[in-house]
Amino acid sequence: MQVKTKQYIRRTHRYLGVFIGIQFLAWTIGGLYFSWSDMDEVHGDYEKAPPALLAPDNGYVFPAVALDSLRLADQLDSLADLRLISILGKPFWQIAFTTSGSPVKKYCLADANTGRGRPPLTQAEAIGVARYAYAGNGTVKEVHELTETGGHHEYREQPLPAVAVGFEDDRHTVVYVATELGTVQKFRNRPWRQFDLLWMLHTMDYTQRDNITNSVLRVFSILGLLTVCSGFLLYFTSQKKVPRTF
């Protein structure tokens, strides 16, 4: 192979290595962190209290009572989900539905003993729900009401409005309670935030975090393949021929 061709391969390999070397490092560090992480700790499972159980003979009314009230208010078009939940020790029907002309799901709560609807949780009730769901030793440090979240918020793409209840513990745990659903949606802590940051760098999706088919990742994957191929080619072309001895 000609000297100029070898120099071209060497230069290409060097520039590609410098250009994507940082991303290679991010992929490697992220992969190591993911493989060595305890996912139960990342998800906050160790901080979650067992879900509340409801007595089978609690005088529940059929959910049709609550659904009829929604129909009378011309709100109910299609039923998306129906669950019996406990809010601070009391049973409620959690109803997810859509209205005519809108595919967006809406939520409401109805007393499971009377069928009457109730408003979304107050901040004080949301704090109580968060405390009940939290099994750690931390005390409530701060409370925030959320009506919108950005693409990088740790509660992104989750039901709103919500109340974020932060606890003072070594993991900096925050419990998110959706006020219209009456239930805890997410636990977020320091290990999860570290995981989320490394996951963003790993997928190279700097807007939504979870799109693994984005153009940036595809381009860098191709460049990474070219870097490896040029390295192999450089290795074989740099081999010196050893003269045969007879």
C-alpha atoms as a PDB file:
ATOM      1  CA  MET A   1       0.000   0.000   0.000  1.00  0.00           C
ATOM      2  CA  GLN A   2       1.303   3.458  -0.870  1.00  0.00           C
ATOM      3  CA  VAL A   3       2.705   5.718   1.839  1.00  0.00           C
ATOM      4  CA  LYS A   4       0.164   8.476   1.121  1.00  0.00           C
ATOM      5  CA  THR A   5      -2.719   6.031   1.547  1.00  0.00           C
ATOM      6  CA  LYS A   6      -1.356   4.873   4.892  1.00  0.00           C
ATOM      7  CA  GLN A   7      -0.976   8.464   6.030  1.00  0.00           C
ATOM      8  CA  TYR A   8      -4.556   9.203   4.978  1.00  0.00           C
ATOM      9  CA  ILE A   9      -5.874   6.213   6.966  1.00  0.00           C
ATOM     10  CA  ARG A  10      -3.791   7.192  10.010  1.00  0.00           C
ATOM     11  CA  ARG A  11      -4.953  10.814   9.866  1.00  0.00           C
ATOM     12  CA  THR A  12      -8.590   9.784   9.425  1.00  0.00           C
ATOM     13  CA  HIS A  13      -8.377   7.406  12.373  1.00  0.00           C
ATOM     14  CA  ARG A  14      -6.750  10.068  14.555  1.00  0.00           C
ATOM     15  CA  TYR A  15      -9.321  12.762  13.766  1.00  0.00           C
ATOM     16  CA  LEU A  16     -12.252  10.378  14.213  1.00  0.00           C
ATOM     17  CA  GLY A  17     -10.820   9.254  17.540  1.00  0.00           C
ATOM     18  CA  VAL A  18     -10.520  12.810  18.801  1.00  0.00           C
ATOM     19  CA  PHE A  19     -13.967  13.781  17.524  1.00  0.00           C
ATOM     20  CA  ILE A  20     -15.955  10.926  19.039  1.00  0.00           C
ATOM     21  CA  GLY A  21     -13.581   9.953  21.843  1.00  0.00           C
ATOM     22  CA  ILE A  22     -15.569  11.903  24.440  1.00  0.00           C
ATOM     23  CA  GLN A  23     -18.775  10.193  23.349  1.00  0.00           C
ATOM     24  CA  PHE A  24     -17.039   6.796  23.502  1.00  0.00           C
ATOM     25  CA  LEU A  25     -16.061   7.652  27.066  1.00  0.00           C
ATOM     26  CA  ALA A  26     -19.658   8.646  27.898  1.00  0.00           C
ATOM     27  CA  TRP A  27     -20.964   5.377  26.435  1.00  0.00           C
ATOM     28  CA  THR A  28     -18.449   3.365  28.434  1.00  0.00           C
ATOM     29  CA  ILE A  29     -19.054   5.190  31.729  1.00  0.00           C
ATOM     30  CA  GLY A  30     -22.813   4.971  31.218  1.00  0.00           C
ATOM     31  CA  GLY A  31     -22.642   1.258  30.425  1.00  0.00           C
ATOM     32  CA  LEU A  32     -20.573   0.589  33.539  1.00  0.00           C
ATOM     33  CA  TYR A  33     -22.980   2.581  35.720  1.00  0.00           C
ATOM     34  CA  PHE A  34     -26.050   0.842  34.276  1.00  0.00           C
ATOM     35  CA  SER A  35     -24.592  -2.642  34.695  1.00  0.00           C
ATOM     36  CA  TRP A  36     -23.450  -2.002  38.271  1.00  0.00           C
ATOM     37  CA  SER A  37     -26.541  -0.106  39.449  1.00  0.00           C
ATOM     38  CA  ASP A  38     -29.189  -1.549  41.715  1.00  0.00           C
ATOM     39  CA  MET A  39     -32.343  -0.734  39.765  1.00  0.00           C
ATOM     40  CA  ASP A  40     -34.519  -1.116  42.855  1.00  0.00           C
ATOM     41  CA  GLU A  41     -32.514   1.714  44.417  1.00  0.00           C
ATOM     42  CA  VAL A  42     -32.731   3.796  41.233  1.00  0.00           C
ATOM     43  CA  HIS A  43     -36.518   3.375  41.152  1.00  0.00           C
ATOM     44  CA  GLY A  44     -36.786   4.130  44.870  1.00  0.00           C
ATOM     45  CA  ASP A  45     -38.330   0.740  45.669  1.00  0.00           C
ATOM     46  CA  TYR A  46     -36.555   0.589  49.040  1.00  0.00           C
ATOM     47  CA  GLU A  47     -38.290   3.820  50.031  1.00  0.00           C
ATOM     48  CA  LYS A  48     -41.807   2.725  49.079  1.00  0.00           C
ATOM     49  CA  ALA A  49     -44.209   1.603  51.761  1.00  0.00           C
ATOM     50  CA  PRO A  50     -46.532  -1.353  50.998  1.00  0.00           C
ATOM     51  CA  PRO A  51     -49.745  -0.231  49.269  1.00  0.00           C
ATOM     52  CA  ALA A  52     -52.780   0.250  51.444  1.00  0.00           C
ATOM     53  CA  LEU A  53     -55.249  -2.658  51.500  1.00  0.00           C
ATOM     54  CA  LEU A  54     -59.002  -2.191  51.545  1.00  0.00           C
ATOM     55  CA  ALA A  55     -61.507  -4.293  53.467  1.00  0.00           C
ATOM     56  CA  PRO A  56     -63.785  -6.398  51.215  1.00  0.00           C
ATOM     57  CA  ASP A  57     -66.916  -5.529  53.244  1.00  0.00           C
ATOM     58  CA  ASN A  58     -66.633  -1.758  53.226  1.00  0.00           C
ATOM     59  CA  GLY A  59     -70.054  -1.030  51.735  1.00  0.00           C
ATOM     60  CA  TYR A  60     -68.837  -0.115  48.267  1.00  0.00           C
ATOM     61  CA  VAL A  61     -71.320   1.215  45.744  1.00  0.00           C
ATOM     62  CA  PHE A  62     -71.217   0.102  42.148  1.00  0.00           C
ATOM     63  CA  PRO A  63     -69.103   2.555  40.082  1.00  0.00           C
ATOM     64  CA  ALA A  64     -72.048   3.087  37.727  1.00  0.00           C
ATOM     65  CA  VAL A  65     -73.337   5.632  40.252  1.00  0.00           C
ATOM     66  CA  ALA A  66     -70.291   7.813  39.699  1.00  0.00           C
ATOM     67  CA  LEU A  67     -70.330   7.202  35.944  1.00  0.00           C
ATOM     68  CA  ASP A  68     -73.981   8.280  35.719  1.00  0.00           C
ATOM     69  CA  SER A  69     -73.047  11.564  37.372  1.00  0.00           C
ATOM     70  CA  LEU A  70     -70.396  12.144  34.708  1.00  0.00           C
ATOM     71  CA  ARG A  71     -72.879  11.342  31.964  1.00  0.00           C
ATOM     72  CA  LEU A  72     -75.402  13.789  33.370  1.00  0.00           C
ATOM     73  CA  ALA A  73     -72.719  16.471  33.299  1.00  0.00           C
ATOM     74  CA  ASP A  74     -72.065  15.636  29.625  1.00  0.00           C
ATOM     75  CA  GLN A  75     -68.450  14.848  30.456  1.00  0.00           C
ATOM     76  CA  LEU A  76     -68.208  11.122  29.821  1.00  0.00           C
ATOM     77  CA  ASP A  77     -67.723   9.803  26.296  1.00  0.00           C
ATOM     78  CA  SER A  78     -65.506   6.743  26.766  1.00  0.00           C
ATOM     79  CA  LEU A  79     -64.211   5.003  29.853  1.00  0.00           C
ATOM     80  CA  ALA A  80     -60.428   4.491  29.751  1.00  0.00           C
ATOM     81  CA  ASP A  81     -59.708   3.043  33.198  1.00  0.00           C
ATOM     82  CA  LEU A  82     -61.443   2.365  36.489  1.00  0.00           C
ATOM     83  CA  ARG A  83     -59.701   1.502  39.761  1.00  0.00           C
ATOM     84  CA  LEU A  84     -60.541   1.168  43.420  1.00  0.00           C
ATOM     85  CA  ILE A  85     -57.881   3.037  45.415  1.00  0.00           C
ATOM     86  CA  SER A  86     -57.255   4.141  48.970  1.00  0.00           C
ATOM     87  CA  ILE A  87     -56.672   7.791  49.812  1.00  0.00           C
ATOM     88  CA  LEU A  88     -55.610   8.315  53.413  1.00  0.00           C
ATOM     89  CA  GLY A  89     -57.480   5.187  54.478  1.00  0.00           C
ATOM     90  CA  LYS A  90     -60.721   5.902  52.583  1.00  0.00           C
ATOM     91  CA  PRO A  91     -61.871   4.070  49.407  1.00  0.00           C
ATOM     92  CA  PHE A  92     -62.360   5.971  46.164  1.00  0.00           C
ATOM     93  CA  TRP A  93     -63.052   5.122  42.555  1.00  0.00           C
ATOM     94  CA  GLN A  94     -60.333   6.508  40.310  1.00  0.00           C
ATOM     95  CA  ILE A  95     -61.914   7.124  36.914  1.00  0.00           C
ATOM     96  CA  ALA A  96     -60.042   7.844  33.691  1.00  0.00           C
ATOM     97  CA  PHE A  97     -62.236   8.909  30.781  1.00  0.00           C
ATOM     98  CA  THR A  98     -62.396  10.898  27.568  1.00  0.00           C
ATOM     99  CA  THR A  99     -64.914  13.509  26.537  1.00  0.00           C
ATOM    100  CA  SER A 100     -66.628  13.951  23.205  1.00  0.00           C
ATOM    101  CA  GLY A 101     -64.293  15.321  20.560  1.00  0.00           C
ATOM    102  CA  SER A 102     -61.141  15.029  22.662  1.00  0.00           C
ATOM    103  CA  PRO A 103     -58.833  11.987  22.869  1.00  0.00           C
ATOM    104  CA  VAL A 104     -57.015  13.398  25.915  1.00  0.00           C
ATOM    105  CA  LYS A 105     -57.704  11.408  29.064  1.00  0.00           C
ATOM    106  CA  LYS A 106     -59.226  13.157  32.041  1.00  0.00           C
ATOM    107  CA  TYR A 107     -59.464  11.957  35.617  1.00  0.00           C
ATOM    108  CA  CYS A 108     -61.844  12.252  38.513  1.00  0.00           C
ATOM    109  CA  LEU A 109     -62.358  10.700  41.919  1.00  0.00           C
ATOM    110  CA  ALA A 110     -65.584   9.410  43.412  1.00  0.00           C
ATOM    111  CA  ASP A 111     -66.316   8.212  46.933  1.00  0.00           C
ATOM    112  CA  ALA A 112     -66.577   4.411  46.748  1.00  0.00           C
ATOM    113  CA  ASN A 113     -69.184   4.387  49.549  1.00  0.00           C
ATOM    114  CA  THR A 114     -71.549   6.992  48.108  1.00  0.00           C
ATOM    115  CA  GLY A 115     -70.600   7.388  44.447  1.00  0.00           C
ATOM    116  CA  ARG A 116     -70.348  11.151  44.825  1.00  0.00           C
ATOM    117  CA  GLY A 117     -67.470  12.884  43.113  1.00  0.00           C
ATOM    118  CA  ARG A 118     -64.838  14.764  45.017  1.00  0.00           C
ATOM    119  CA  PRO A 119     -62.404  17.518  43.990  1.00  0.00           C
ATOM    120  CA  PRO A 120     -58.686  16.890  43.386  1.00  0.00           C
ATOM    121  CA  LEU A 121     -56.435  16.528  46.400  1.00  0.00           C
ATOM    122  CA  THR A 122     -55.473  19.627  48.282  1.00  0.00           C
ATOM    123  CA  GLN A 123     -51.807  20.267  48.965  1.00  0.00           C
ATOM    124  CA  ALA A 124     -52.229  19.072  52.553  1.00  0.00           C
ATOM    125  CA  GLU A 125     -53.883  15.844  51.371  1.00  0.00           C
ATOM    126  CA  ALA A 126     -51.148  15.290  48.775  1.00  0.00           C
ATOM    127  CA  ILE A 127     -48.509  15.664  51.482  1.00  0.00           C
ATOM    128  CA  GLY A 128     -50.384  13.083  53.556  1.00  0.00           C
ATOM    129  CA  VAL A 129     -50.487  10.651  50.608  1.00  0.00           C
ATOM    130  CA  ALA A 130     -46.759  11.146  50.014  1.00  0.00           C
ATOM    131  CA  ARG A 131     -45.938  10.560  53.669  1.00  0.00           C
ATOM    132  CA  TYR A 132     -48.023   7.387  53.689  1.00  0.00           C
ATOM    133  CA  ALA A 133     -46.223   6.044  50.596  1.00  0.00           C
ATOM    134  CA  TYR A 134     -42.748   6.957  51.836  1.00  0.00           C
ATOM    135  CA  ALA A 135     -41.025   4.336  54.004  1.00  0.00           C
ATOM    136  CA  GLY A 136     -37.827   6.277  54.675  1.00  0.00           C
ATOM    137  CA  ASN A 137     -36.777   8.174  57.762  1.00  0.00           C
ATOM    138  CA  GLY A 138     -36.652  11.655  56.246  1.00  0.00           C
ATOM    139  CA  THR A 139     -38.951  14.502  57.168  1.00  0.00           C
ATOM    140  CA  VAL A 140     -40.752  16.735  54.689  1.00  0.00           C
ATOM    141  CA  LYS A 141     -38.338  19.430  53.573  1.00  0.00           C
ATOM    142  CA  GLU A 142     -40.134  21.276  50.771  1.00  0.00           C
ATOM    143  CA  VAL A 143     -43.354  21.147  48.784  1.00  0.00           C
ATOM    144  CA  HIS A 144     -44.021  22.419  45.266  1.00  0.00           C
ATOM    145  CA  GLU A 145     -47.165  22.443  43.158  1.00  0.00           C
ATOM    146  CA  LEU A 146     -46.626  21.586  39.480  1.00  0.00           C
ATOM    147  CA  THR A 147     -48.908  22.571  36.629  1.00  0.00           C
ATOM    148  CA  GLU A 148     -46.348  22.093  33.855  1.00  0.00           C
ATOM    149  CA  THR A 149     -42.966  20.447  33.367  1.00  0.00           C
ATOM    150  CA  GLY A 150     -40.212  20.835  30.786  1.00  0.00           C
ATOM    151  CA  GLY A 151     -38.555  18.127  28.753  1.00  0.00           C
ATOM    152  CA  HIS A 152     -35.715  17.789  31.270  1.00  0.00           C
ATOM    153  CA  HIS A 153     -37.818  17.764  34.425  1.00  0.00           C
ATOM    154  CA  GLU A 154     -37.606  14.556  36.439  1.00  0.00           C
ATOM    155  CA  TYR A 155     -41.420  14.345  36.436  1.00  0.00           C
ATOM    156  CA  ARG A 156     -41.698  14.857  32.672  1.00  0.00           C
ATOM    157  CA  GLU A 157     -44.556  13.267  30.716  1.00  0.00           C
ATOM    158  CA  GLN A 158     -46.503  12.437  33.875  1.00  0.00           C
ATOM    159  CA  PRO A 159     -50.048  13.404  34.956  1.00  0.00           C
ATOM    160  CA  LEU A 160     -50.525  17.032  35.973  1.00  0.00           C
ATOM    161  CA  PRO A 161     -51.300  18.904  38.151  1.00  0.00           C
ATOM    162  CA  ALA A 162     -49.131  17.318  40.801  1.00  0.00           C
ATOM    163  CA  VAL A 163     -47.543  18.071  44.149  1.00  0.00           C
ATOM    164  CA  ALA A 164     -43.820  17.391  44.633  1.00  0.00           C
ATOM    165  CA  VAL A 165     -43.031  16.484  48.226  1.00  0.00           C
ATOM    166  CA  GLY A 166     -39.295  16.550  48.976  1.00  0.00           C
ATOM    167  CA  PHE A 167     -37.918  14.591  51.934  1.00  0.00           C
ATOM    168  CA  GLU A 168     -34.742  15.363  53.840  1.00  0.00           C
ATOM    169  CA  ASP A 169     -32.782  12.118  53.516  1.00  0.00           C
ATOM    170  CA  ASP A 170     -29.437  11.013  52.108  1.00  0.00           C
ATOM    171  CA  ARG A 171     -30.986  10.241  48.702  1.00  0.00           C
ATOM    172  CA  HIS A 172     -32.829  13.589  48.389  1.00  0.00           C
ATOM    173  CA  THR A 173     -36.070  11.766  47.663  1.00  0.00           C
ATOM    174  CA  VAL A 174     -39.004  13.553  46.042  1.00  0.00           C
ATOM    175  CA  VAL A 175     -42.447  11.924  45.912  1.00  0.00           C
ATOM    176  CA  TYR A 176     -44.806  13.126  43.171  1.00  0.00           C
ATOM    177  CA  VAL A 177     -48.553  12.920  43.808  1.00  0.00           C
ATOM    178  CA  ALA A 178     -51.037  13.555  40.974  1.00  0.00           C
ATOM    179  CA  THR A 179     -53.848  15.521  42.588  1.00  0.00           C
ATOM    180  CA  GLU A 180     -56.589  14.511  40.119  1.00  0.00           C
ATOM    181  CA  LEU A 181     -55.671  10.811  40.403  1.00  0.00           C
ATOM    182  CA  GLY A 182     -55.122  10.892  44.156  1.00  0.00           C
ATOM    183  CA  THR A 183     -52.112   8.583  43.956  1.00  0.00           C
ATOM    184  CA  VAL A 184     -48.310   8.655  43.956  1.00  0.00           C
ATOM    185  CA  GLN A 185     -46.940   8.554  40.436  1.00  0.00           C
ATOM    186  CA  LYS A 186     -43.168   8.643  40.835  1.00  0.00           C
ATOM    187  CA  PHE A 187     -40.349   8.432  43.353  1.00  0.00           C
ATOM    188  CA  ARG A 188     -37.248  10.358  42.344  1.00  0.00           C
ATOM    189  CA  ASN A 189     -33.897  10.309  44.171  1.00  0.00           C
ATOM    190  CA  ARG A 190     -30.196  11.010  43.693  1.00  0.00           C
ATOM    191  CA  PRO A 191     -29.382   7.592  42.126  1.00  0.00           C
ATOM    192  CA  TRP A 192     -32.223   8.072  39.631  1.00  0.00           C
ATOM    193  CA  ARG A 193     -30.991  11.547  38.682  1.00  0.00           C
ATOM    194  CA  GLN A 194     -27.481  10.226  38.084  1.00  0.00           C
ATOM    195  CA  PHE A 195     -28.920   7.398  35.997  1.00  0.00           C
ATOM    196  CA  ASP A 196     -31.071   9.833  34.028  1.00  0.00           C
ATOM    197  CA  LEU A 197     -28.116  12.099  33.224  1.00  0.00           C
ATOM    198  CA  LEU A 198     -25.942   9.215  32.056  1.00  0.00           C
ATOM    199  CA  TRP A 199     -28.865   7.772  30.082  1.00  0.00           C
ATOM    200  CA  MET A 200     -29.238  11.092  28.252  1.00  0.00           C
ATOM    201  CA  LEU A 201     -25.535  11.059  27.388  1.00  0.00           C
ATOM    202  CA  HIS A 202     -25.782   7.398  26.383  1.00  0.00           C
ATOM    203  CA  THR A 203     -28.740   7.841  24.020  1.00  0.00           C
ATOM    204  CA  MET A 204     -27.622  11.327  22.918  1.00  0.00           C
ATOM    205  CA  ASP A 205     -31.237  12.453  23.098  1.00  0.00           C
ATOM    206  CA  TYR A 206     -30.866  15.862  24.699  1.00  0.00           C
ATOM    207  CA  THR A 207     -34.557  16.793  24.488  1.00  0.00           C
ATOM    208  CA  GLN A 208     -36.666  13.758  25.493  1.00  0.00           C
ATOM    209  CA  ARG A 209     -33.979  11.429  26.901  1.00  0.00           C
ATOM    210  CA  ASP A 210     -35.656   8.233  25.636  1.00  0.00           C
ATOM    211  CA  ASN A 211     -35.532   8.474  21.839  1.00  0.00           C
ATOM    212  CA  ILE A 212     -32.856   5.958  20.837  1.00  0.00           C
ATOM    213  CA  THR A 213     -33.476   6.469  17.106  1.00  0.00           C
ATOM    214  CA  ASN A 214     -32.455  10.128  16.970  1.00  0.00           C
ATOM    215  CA  SER A 215     -30.210  11.395  14.174  1.00  0.00           C
ATOM    216  CA  VAL A 216     -27.294  12.391  16.436  1.00  0.00           C
ATOM    217  CA  LEU A 217     -26.992   8.856  17.832  1.00  0.00           C
ATOM    218  CA  ARG A 218     -27.174   7.370  14.342  1.00  0.00           C
ATOM    219  CA  VAL A 219     -24.428   9.645  13.013  1.00  0.00           C
ATOM    220  CA  PHE A 220     -22.109   8.956  15.947  1.00  0.00           C
ATOM    221  CA  SER A 221     -22.771   5.215  15.682  1.00  0.00           C
ATOM    222  CA  ILE A 222     -21.675   5.281  12.039  1.00  0.00           C
ATOM    223  CA  LEU A 223     -18.610   7.382  12.910  1.00  0.00           C
ATOM    224  CA  GLY A 224     -17.769   4.955  15.696  1.00  0.00           C
ATOM    225  CA  LEU A 225     -17.938   2.058  13.243  1.00  0.00           C
ATOM    226  CA  LEU A 226     -15.663   3.942  10.832  1.00  0.00           C
ATOM    227  CA  THR A 227     -13.209   4.607  13.675  1.00  0.00           C
ATOM    228  CA  VAL A 228     -13.008   0.921  14.561  1.00  0.00           C
ATOM    229  CA  CYS A 229     -12.693  -0.122  10.902  1.00  0.00           C
ATOM    230  CA  SER A 230      -9.960   2.432  10.247  1.00  0.00           C
ATOM    231  CA  GLY A 231      -8.120   1.162  13.334  1.00  0.00           C
ATOM    232  CA  PHE A 232      -8.191  -2.411  12.038  1.00  0.00           C
ATOM    233  CA  LEU A 233      -7.117  -1.245   8.594  1.00  0.00           C
ATOM    234  CA  LEU A 234      -4.303   0.819  10.091  1.00  0.00           C
ATOM    235  CA  TYR A 235      -3.114  -2.178  12.089  1.00  0.00           C
ATOM    236  CA  PHE A 236      -2.844  -4.458   9.066  1.00  0.00           C
ATOM    237  CA  THR A 237      -1.339  -1.839   6.761  1.00  0.00           C
ATOM    238  CA  SER A 238       1.304  -0.917   9.336  1.00  0.00           C
ATOM    239  CA  GLN A 239       2.648  -4.440   9.637  1.00  0.00           C
ATOM    240  CA  LYS A 240       6.216  -4.682   8.462  1.00  0.00           C
ATOM    241  CA  LYS A 241       7.038  -7.554   6.205  1.00  0.00           C
ATOM    242  CA  VAL A 242       9.608  -9.867   7.745  1.00  0.00           C
ATOM    243  CA  PRO A 243      12.028 -11.211   5.133  1.00  0.00           C
ATOM    244  CA  ARG A 244      12.032 -14.941   4.846  1.00  0.00           C
ATOM    245  CA  THR A 245      15.176 -16.793   5.731  1.00  0.00           C
ATOM    246  CA  PHE A 246      16.057 -20.094   4.169  1.00  0.00           C
END
